[in-house]
């Protein structure tokens, strides 16, 4: 599936763009220090390598309970 397919199928891609740079840096610092525990929020099975991006987006198009994906470069 290409970006052209997304447009013609009216796929909605939602990203986050609202935090200030300071907020983002503070959050990353808290994650790095362990002040925020990410394990309860993201299971290892949901973290995907970037190479799987096409397959993951295709899976997200299918009706189920998944609403987002996390990629690890």
PDB file of N, CA and C in Angstrom:
ATOM      1  N   UNK A   1       0.846  -1.164   0.000  1.00  0.00           N
ATOM      2  CA  UNK A   1       0.000   0.000   0.000  1.00  0.00           C
ATOM      3  C   UNK A   1       0.900   1.237   0.000  1.00  0.00           C
ATOM      4  N   UNK A   2       0.614   2.144  -0.866  1.00  0.00           N
ATOM      5  CA  UNK A   2       1.412   3.369  -0.985  1.00  0.00           C
ATOM      6  C   UNK A   2       0.638   4.550  -0.395  1.00  0.00           C
ATOM      7  N   UNK A   3       1.313   5.686  -0.186  1.00  0.00           N
ATOM      8  CA  UNK A   3       0.589   6.876   0.293  1.00  0.00           C
ATOM      9  C   UNK A   3      -0.561   7.285  -0.629  1.00  0.00           C
ATOM     10  N   UNK A   4      -0.436   7.027  -1.927  1.00  0.00           N
ATOM     11  CA  UNK A   4      -1.539   7.328  -2.856  1.00  0.00           C
ATOM     12  C   UNK A   4      -2.769   6.500  -2.475  1.00  0.00           C
ATOM     13  N   UNK A   5      -2.545   5.225  -2.113  1.00  0.00           N
ATOM     14  CA  UNK A   5      -3.659   4.380  -1.670  1.00  0.00           C
ATOM     15  C   UNK A   5      -4.323   4.961  -0.431  1.00  0.00           C
ATOM     16  N   UNK A   6      -3.505   5.511   0.480  1.00  0.00           N
ATOM     17  CA  UNK A   6      -4.060   6.100   1.703  1.00  0.00           C
ATOM     18  C   UNK A   6      -5.006   7.236   1.362  1.00  0.00           C
ATOM     19  N   UNK A   7      -4.609   8.058   0.404  1.00  0.00           N
ATOM     20  CA  UNK A   7      -5.427   9.215   0.031  1.00  0.00           C
ATOM     21  C   UNK A   7      -6.715   8.763  -0.642  1.00  0.00           C
ATOM     22  N   UNK A   8      -6.608   7.845  -1.592  1.00  0.00           N
ATOM     23  CA  UNK A   8      -7.803   7.426  -2.320  1.00  0.00           C
ATOM     24  C   UNK A   8      -8.756   6.617  -1.449  1.00  0.00           C
ATOM     25  N   UNK A   9      -8.236   5.971  -0.403  1.00  0.00           N
ATOM     26  CA  UNK A   9      -9.084   5.217   0.510  1.00  0.00           C
ATOM     27  C   UNK A   9      -9.520   6.081   1.685  1.00  0.00           C
ATOM     28  N   UNK A  10      -9.065   7.327   1.715  1.00  0.00           N
ATOM     29  CA  UNK A  10      -9.370   8.255   2.793  1.00  0.00           C
ATOM     30  C   UNK A  10      -8.932   7.714   4.152  1.00  0.00           C
ATOM     31  N   UNK A  11      -7.725   7.149   4.189  1.00  0.00           N
ATOM     32  CA  UNK A  11      -7.148   6.667   5.439  1.00  0.00           C
ATOM     33  C   UNK A  11      -6.724   7.872   6.258  1.00  0.00           C
ATOM     34  N   UNK A  12      -7.032   7.859   7.532  1.00  0.00           N
ATOM     35  CA  UNK A  12      -6.649   8.948   8.419  1.00  0.00           C
ATOM     36  C   UNK A  12      -5.431   8.527   9.226  1.00  0.00           C
ATOM     37  N   UNK A  13      -4.354   9.260   9.089  1.00  0.00           N
ATOM     38  CA  UNK A  13      -3.132   9.008   9.843  1.00  0.00           C
ATOM     39  C   UNK A  13      -3.009  10.111  10.881  1.00  0.00           C
ATOM     40  N   UNK A  14      -3.037   9.723  12.138  1.00  0.00           N
ATOM     41  CA  UNK A  14      -3.007  10.692  13.230  1.00  0.00           C
ATOM     42  C   UNK A  14      -1.648  10.613  13.916  1.00  0.00           C
ATOM     43  N   UNK A  15      -1.026  11.754  14.070  1.00  0.00           N
ATOM     44  CA  UNK A  15       0.260  11.815  14.764  1.00  0.00           C
ATOM     45  C   UNK A  15       0.125  12.780  15.935  1.00  0.00           C
ATOM     46  N   UNK A  16       1.160  12.867  16.722  1.00  0.00           N
ATOM     47  CA  UNK A  16       1.130  13.807  17.829  1.00  0.00           C
ATOM     48  C   UNK A  16       2.017  14.992  17.502  1.00  0.00           C
ATOM     49  N   UNK A  17       1.478  16.152  17.661  1.00  0.00           N
ATOM     50  CA  UNK A  17       2.218  17.385  17.411  1.00  0.00           C
ATOM     51  C   UNK A  17       1.585  18.464  18.263  1.00  0.00           C
ATOM     52  N   UNK A  18       1.925  18.510  19.486  1.00  0.00           N
ATOM     53  CA  UNK A  18       1.304  19.489  20.353  1.00  0.00           C
ATOM     54  C   UNK A  18       2.167  19.828  21.548  1.00  0.00           C
ATOM     55  N   UNK A  19       3.112  18.969  21.836  1.00  0.00           N
ATOM     56  CA  UNK A  19       3.960  19.210  22.996  1.00  0.00           C
ATOM     57  C   UNK A  19       5.080  20.177  22.624  1.00  0.00           C
ATOM     58  N   UNK A  20       5.474  20.946  23.602  1.00  0.00           N
ATOM     59  CA  UNK A  20       6.627  21.819  23.408  1.00  0.00           C
ATOM     60  C   UNK A  20       7.890  20.975  23.437  1.00  0.00           C
ATOM     61  N   UNK A  21       8.953  21.467  22.839  1.00  0.00           N
ATOM     62  CA  UNK A  21      10.217  20.744  22.829  1.00  0.00           C
ATOM     63  C   UNK A  21      10.674  20.439  24.255  1.00  0.00           C
ATOM     64  N   UNK A  22      10.455  21.390  25.166  1.00  0.00           N
ATOM     65  CA  UNK A  22      10.846  21.178  26.561  1.00  0.00           C
ATOM     66  C   UNK A  22      10.082  20.011  27.180  1.00  0.00           C
ATOM     67  N   UNK A  23       8.804  19.886  26.829  1.00  0.00           N
ATOM     68  CA  UNK A  23       7.996  18.781  27.334  1.00  0.00           C
ATOM     69  C   UNK A  23       8.522  17.444  26.826  1.00  0.00           C
ATOM     70  N   UNK A  24       8.842  17.424  25.550  1.00  0.00           N
ATOM     71  CA  UNK A  24       9.352  16.203  24.935  1.00  0.00           C
ATOM     72  C   UNK A  24      10.680  15.802  25.578  1.00  0.00           C
ATOM     73  N   UNK A  25      11.576  16.766  25.755  1.00  0.00           N
ATOM     74  CA  UNK A  25      12.877  16.482  26.365  1.00  0.00           C
ATOM     75  C   UNK A  25      12.718  16.010  27.814  1.00  0.00           C
ATOM     76  N   UNK A  26      11.813  16.632  28.554  1.00  0.00           N
ATOM     77  CA  UNK A  26      11.570  16.231  29.944  1.00  0.00           C
ATOM     78  C   UNK A  26      11.007  14.813  30.000  1.00  0.00           C
ATOM     79  N   UNK A  27      10.123  14.487  29.092  1.00  0.00           N
ATOM     80  CA  UNK A  27       9.541  13.143  29.056  1.00  0.00           C
ATOM     81  C   UNK A  27      10.599  12.106  28.731  1.00  0.00           C
ATOM     82  N   UNK A  28      11.438  12.392  27.741  1.00  0.00           N
ATOM     83  CA  UNK A  28      12.520  11.462  27.407  1.00  0.00           C
ATOM     84  C   UNK A  28      13.469  11.275  28.580  1.00  0.00           C
ATOM     85  N   UNK A  29      13.767  12.338  29.296  1.00  0.00           N
ATOM     86  CA  UNK A  29      14.649  12.248  30.462  1.00  0.00           C
ATOM     87  C   UNK A  29      14.018  11.374  31.543  1.00  0.00           C
ATOM     88  N   UNK A  30      12.707  11.540  31.774  1.00  0.00           N
ATOM     89  CA  UNK A  30      12.024  10.723  32.780  1.00  0.00           C
ATOM     90  C   UNK A  30      11.977   9.255  32.356  1.00  0.00           C
ATOM     91  N   UNK A  31      11.788   9.004  31.061  1.00  0.00           N
ATOM     92  CA  UNK A  31      11.799   7.633  30.573  1.00  0.00           C
ATOM     93  C   UNK A  31      13.183   7.019  30.742  1.00  0.00           C
ATOM     94  N   UNK A  32      14.227   7.778  30.412  1.00  0.00           N
ATOM     95  CA  UNK A  32      15.601   7.275  30.527  1.00  0.00           C
ATOM     96  C   UNK A  32      15.989   6.996  31.965  1.00  0.00           C
ATOM     97  N   UNK A  33      15.521   7.821  32.888  1.00  0.00           N
ATOM     98  CA  UNK A  33      15.891   7.660  34.295  1.00  0.00           C
ATOM     99  C   UNK A  33      15.067   6.585  35.002  1.00  0.00           C
ATOM    100  N   UNK A  34      14.003   6.141  34.359  1.00  0.00           N
ATOM    101  CA  UNK A  34      13.142   5.135  34.979  1.00  0.00           C
ATOM    102  C   UNK A  34      12.011   5.735  35.798  1.00  0.00           C
ATOM    103  N   UNK A  35      11.908   7.076  35.818  1.00  0.00           N
ATOM    104  CA  UNK A  35      10.822   7.720  36.553  1.00  0.00           C
ATOM    105  C   UNK A  35       9.460   7.378  35.944  1.00  0.00           C
ATOM    106  N   UNK A  36       9.445   7.140  34.643  1.00  0.00           N
ATOM    107  CA  UNK A  36       8.239   6.681  33.954  1.00  0.00           C
ATOM    108  C   UNK A  36       8.511   5.263  33.489  1.00  0.00           C
ATOM    109  N   UNK A  37       7.672   4.330  33.885  1.00  0.00           N
ATOM    110  CA  UNK A  37       7.822   2.940  33.475  1.00  0.00           C
ATOM    111  C   UNK A  37       6.960   2.699  32.245  1.00  0.00           C
ATOM    112  N   UNK A  38       7.593   2.338  31.146  1.00  0.00           N
ATOM    113  CA  UNK A  38       6.866   2.166  29.896  1.00  0.00           C
ATOM    114  C   UNK A  38       6.289   0.765  29.714  1.00  0.00           C
ATOM    115  N   UNK A  39       6.815  -0.214  30.428  1.00  0.00           N
ATOM    116  CA  UNK A  39       6.396  -1.604  30.223  1.00  0.00           C
ATOM    117  C   UNK A  39       4.884  -1.814  30.313  1.00  0.00           C
ATOM    118  N   UNK A  40       4.190  -1.196  31.273  1.00  0.00           N
ATOM    119  CA  UNK A  40       2.739  -1.414  31.319  1.00  0.00           C
ATOM    120  C   UNK A  40       1.998  -0.811  30.119  1.00  0.00           C
ATOM    121  N   UNK A  41       2.630   0.125  29.444  1.00  0.00           N
ATOM    122  CA  UNK A  41       1.963   0.810  28.339  1.00  0.00           C
ATOM    123  C   UNK A  41       2.195   0.135  26.985  1.00  0.00           C
ATOM    124  N   UNK A  42       3.350  -0.512  26.838  1.00  0.00           N
ATOM    125  CA  UNK A  42       3.717  -1.091  25.546  1.00  0.00           C
ATOM    126  C   UNK A  42       4.261  -2.488  25.782  1.00  0.00           C
ATOM    127  N   UNK A  43       3.633  -3.482  25.180  1.00  0.00           N
ATOM    128  CA  UNK A  43       4.168  -4.835  25.308  1.00  0.00           C
ATOM    129  C   UNK A  43       5.238  -5.038  24.247  1.00  0.00           C
ATOM    130  N   UNK A  44       6.168  -5.943  24.512  1.00  0.00           N
ATOM    131  CA  UNK A  44       7.242  -6.214  23.555  1.00  0.00           C
ATOM    132  C   UNK A  44       6.706  -6.694  22.218  1.00  0.00           C
ATOM    133  N   UNK A  45       5.572  -7.372  22.239  1.00  0.00           N
ATOM    134  CA  UNK A  45       5.019  -7.875  20.987  1.00  0.00           C
ATOM    135  C   UNK A  45       4.507  -6.745  20.107  1.00  0.00           C
ATOM    136  N   UNK A  46       4.233  -5.583  20.691  1.00  0.00           N
ATOM    137  CA  UNK A  46       3.720  -4.465  19.907  1.00  0.00           C
ATOM    138  C   UNK A  46       4.823  -3.548  19.378  1.00  0.00           C
ATOM    139  N   UNK A  47       6.054  -3.682  19.893  1.00  0.00           N
ATOM    140  CA  UNK A  47       7.160  -2.879  19.388  1.00  0.00           C
ATOM    141  C   UNK A  47       7.700  -3.580  18.153  1.00  0.00           C
ATOM    142  N   UNK A  48       7.656  -2.884  17.037  1.00  0.00           N
ATOM    143  CA  UNK A  48       8.023  -3.486  15.765  1.00  0.00           C
ATOM    144  C   UNK A  48       9.288  -2.844  15.205  1.00  0.00           C
ATOM    145  N   UNK A  49      10.115  -3.632  14.518  1.00  0.00           N
ATOM    146  CA  UNK A  49      11.246  -3.022  13.832  1.00  0.00           C
ATOM    147  C   UNK A  49      10.744  -2.177  12.665  1.00  0.00           C
ATOM    148  N   UNK A  50      11.473  -1.146  12.331  1.00  0.00           N
ATOM    149  CA  UNK A  50      11.066  -0.234  11.265  1.00  0.00           C
ATOM    150  C   UNK A  50      10.884  -0.961   9.937  1.00  0.00           C
ATOM    151  N   UNK A  51      11.598  -2.053   9.757  1.00  0.00           N
ATOM    152  CA  UNK A  51      11.465  -2.831   8.515  1.00  0.00           C
ATOM    153  C   UNK A  51      10.062  -3.409   8.337  1.00  0.00           C
ATOM    154  N   UNK A  52       9.299  -3.529   9.411  1.00  0.00           N
ATOM    155  CA  UNK A  52       7.945  -4.092   9.343  1.00  0.00           C
ATOM    156  C   UNK A  52       6.864  -3.042   9.120  1.00  0.00           C
ATOM    157  N   UNK A  53       7.235  -1.815   8.814  1.00  0.00           N
ATOM    158  CA  UNK A  53       6.253  -0.723   8.772  1.00  0.00           C
ATOM    159  C   UNK A  53       5.112  -0.989   7.794  1.00  0.00           C
ATOM    160  N   UNK A  54       5.419  -1.525   6.615  1.00  0.00           N
ATOM    161  CA  UNK A  54       4.372  -1.768   5.615  1.00  0.00           C
ATOM    162  C   UNK A  54       3.352  -2.778   6.133  1.00  0.00           C
ATOM    163  N   UNK A  55       3.835  -3.900   6.657  1.00  0.00           N
ATOM    164  CA  UNK A  55       2.937  -4.946   7.150  1.00  0.00           C
ATOM    165  C   UNK A  55       2.113  -4.458   8.342  1.00  0.00           C
ATOM    166  N   UNK A  56       2.732  -3.685   9.213  1.00  0.00           N
ATOM    167  CA  UNK A  56       2.013  -3.181  10.389  1.00  0.00           C
ATOM    168  C   UNK A  56       0.894  -2.233   9.973  1.00  0.00           C
ATOM    169  N   UNK A  57       1.179  -1.322   9.029  1.00  0.00           N
ATOM    170  CA  UNK A  57       0.129  -0.410   8.578  1.00  0.00           C
ATOM    171  C   UNK A  57      -0.993  -1.172   7.888  1.00  0.00           C
ATOM    172  N   UNK A  58      -0.657  -2.222   7.155  1.00  0.00           N
ATOM    173  CA  UNK A  58      -1.701  -3.031   6.529  1.00  0.00           C
ATOM    174  C   UNK A  58      -2.547  -3.727   7.597  1.00  0.00           C
ATOM    175  N   UNK A  59      -1.900  -4.227   8.666  1.00  0.00           N
ATOM    176  CA  UNK A  59      -2.648  -4.849   9.762  1.00  0.00           C
ATOM    177  C   UNK A  59      -3.546  -3.843  10.478  1.00  0.00           C
ATOM    178  N   UNK A  60      -3.081  -2.606  10.613  1.00  0.00           N
ATOM    179  CA  UNK A  60      -3.887  -1.584  11.286  1.00  0.00           C
ATOM    180  C   UNK A  60      -5.151  -1.245  10.500  1.00  0.00           C
ATOM    181  N   UNK A  61      -5.149  -1.543   9.219  1.00  0.00           N
ATOM    182  CA  UNK A  61      -6.329  -1.282   8.387  1.00  0.00           C
ATOM    183  C   UNK A  61      -7.434  -2.312   8.649  1.00  0.00           C
ATOM    184  N   UNK A  62      -7.075  -3.449   9.234  1.00  0.00           N
ATOM    185  CA  UNK A  62      -8.045  -4.503   9.502  1.00  0.00           C
ATOM    186  C   UNK A  62      -8.818  -4.188  10.784  1.00  0.00           C
ATOM    187  N   UNK A  63     -10.091  -4.550  10.817  1.00  0.00           N
ATOM    188  CA  UNK A  63     -10.880  -4.264  12.029  1.00  0.00           C
ATOM    189  C   UNK A  63     -10.488  -5.183  13.190  1.00  0.00           C
ATOM    190  N   UNK A  64      -9.876  -4.615  14.209  1.00  0.00           N
ATOM    191  CA  UNK A  64      -9.584  -5.326  15.447  1.00  0.00           C
ATOM    192  C   UNK A  64      -9.366  -4.283  16.538  1.00  0.00           C
ATOM    193  N   UNK A  65      -8.725  -4.638  17.610  1.00  0.00           N
ATOM    194  CA  UNK A  65      -8.564  -3.717  18.733  1.00  0.00           C
ATOM    195  C   UNK A  65      -7.303  -2.864  18.672  1.00  0.00           C
ATOM    196  N   UNK A  66      -6.426  -3.107  17.715  1.00  0.00           N
ATOM    197  CA  UNK A  66      -5.194  -2.330  17.618  1.00  0.00           C
ATOM    198  C   UNK A  66      -5.494  -0.951  17.054  1.00  0.00           C
ATOM    199  N   UNK A  67      -4.964   0.060  17.685  1.00  0.00           N
ATOM    200  CA  UNK A  67      -5.206   1.420  17.218  1.00  0.00           C
ATOM    201  C   UNK A  67      -3.913   2.180  16.951  1.00  0.00           C
ATOM    202  N   UNK A  68      -2.782   1.590  17.353  1.00  0.00           N
ATOM    203  CA  UNK A  68      -1.515   2.267  17.106  1.00  0.00           C
ATOM    204  C   UNK A  68      -0.399   1.241  17.078  1.00  0.00           C
ATOM    205  N   UNK A  69       0.748   1.680  16.634  1.00  0.00           N
ATOM    206  CA  UNK A  69       1.922   0.814  16.598  1.00  0.00           C
ATOM    207  C   UNK A  69       3.130   1.620  17.032  1.00  0.00           C
ATOM    208  N   UNK A  70       4.087   0.924  17.623  1.00  0.00           N
ATOM    209  CA  UNK A  70       5.327   1.539  18.056  1.00  0.00           C
ATOM    210  C   UNK A  70       6.450   0.880  17.287  1.00  0.00           C
ATOM    211  N   UNK A  71       7.310   1.695  16.690  1.00  0.00           N
ATOM    212  CA  UNK A  71       8.414   1.184  15.891  1.00  0.00           C
ATOM    213  C   UNK A  71       9.737   1.509  16.560  1.00  0.00           C
ATOM    214  N   UNK A  72      10.659   0.547  16.452  1.00  0.00           N
ATOM    215  CA  UNK A  72      11.993   0.723  16.977  1.00  0.00           C
ATOM    216  C   UNK A  72      12.967   0.754  15.804  1.00  0.00           C
ATOM    217  N   UNK A  73      13.717   1.858  15.651  1.00  0.00           N
ATOM    218  CA  UNK A  73      14.653   1.926  14.517  1.00  0.00           C
ATOM    219  C   UNK A  73      15.769   0.903  14.627  1.00  0.00           C
TER     220      UNK A  73
END
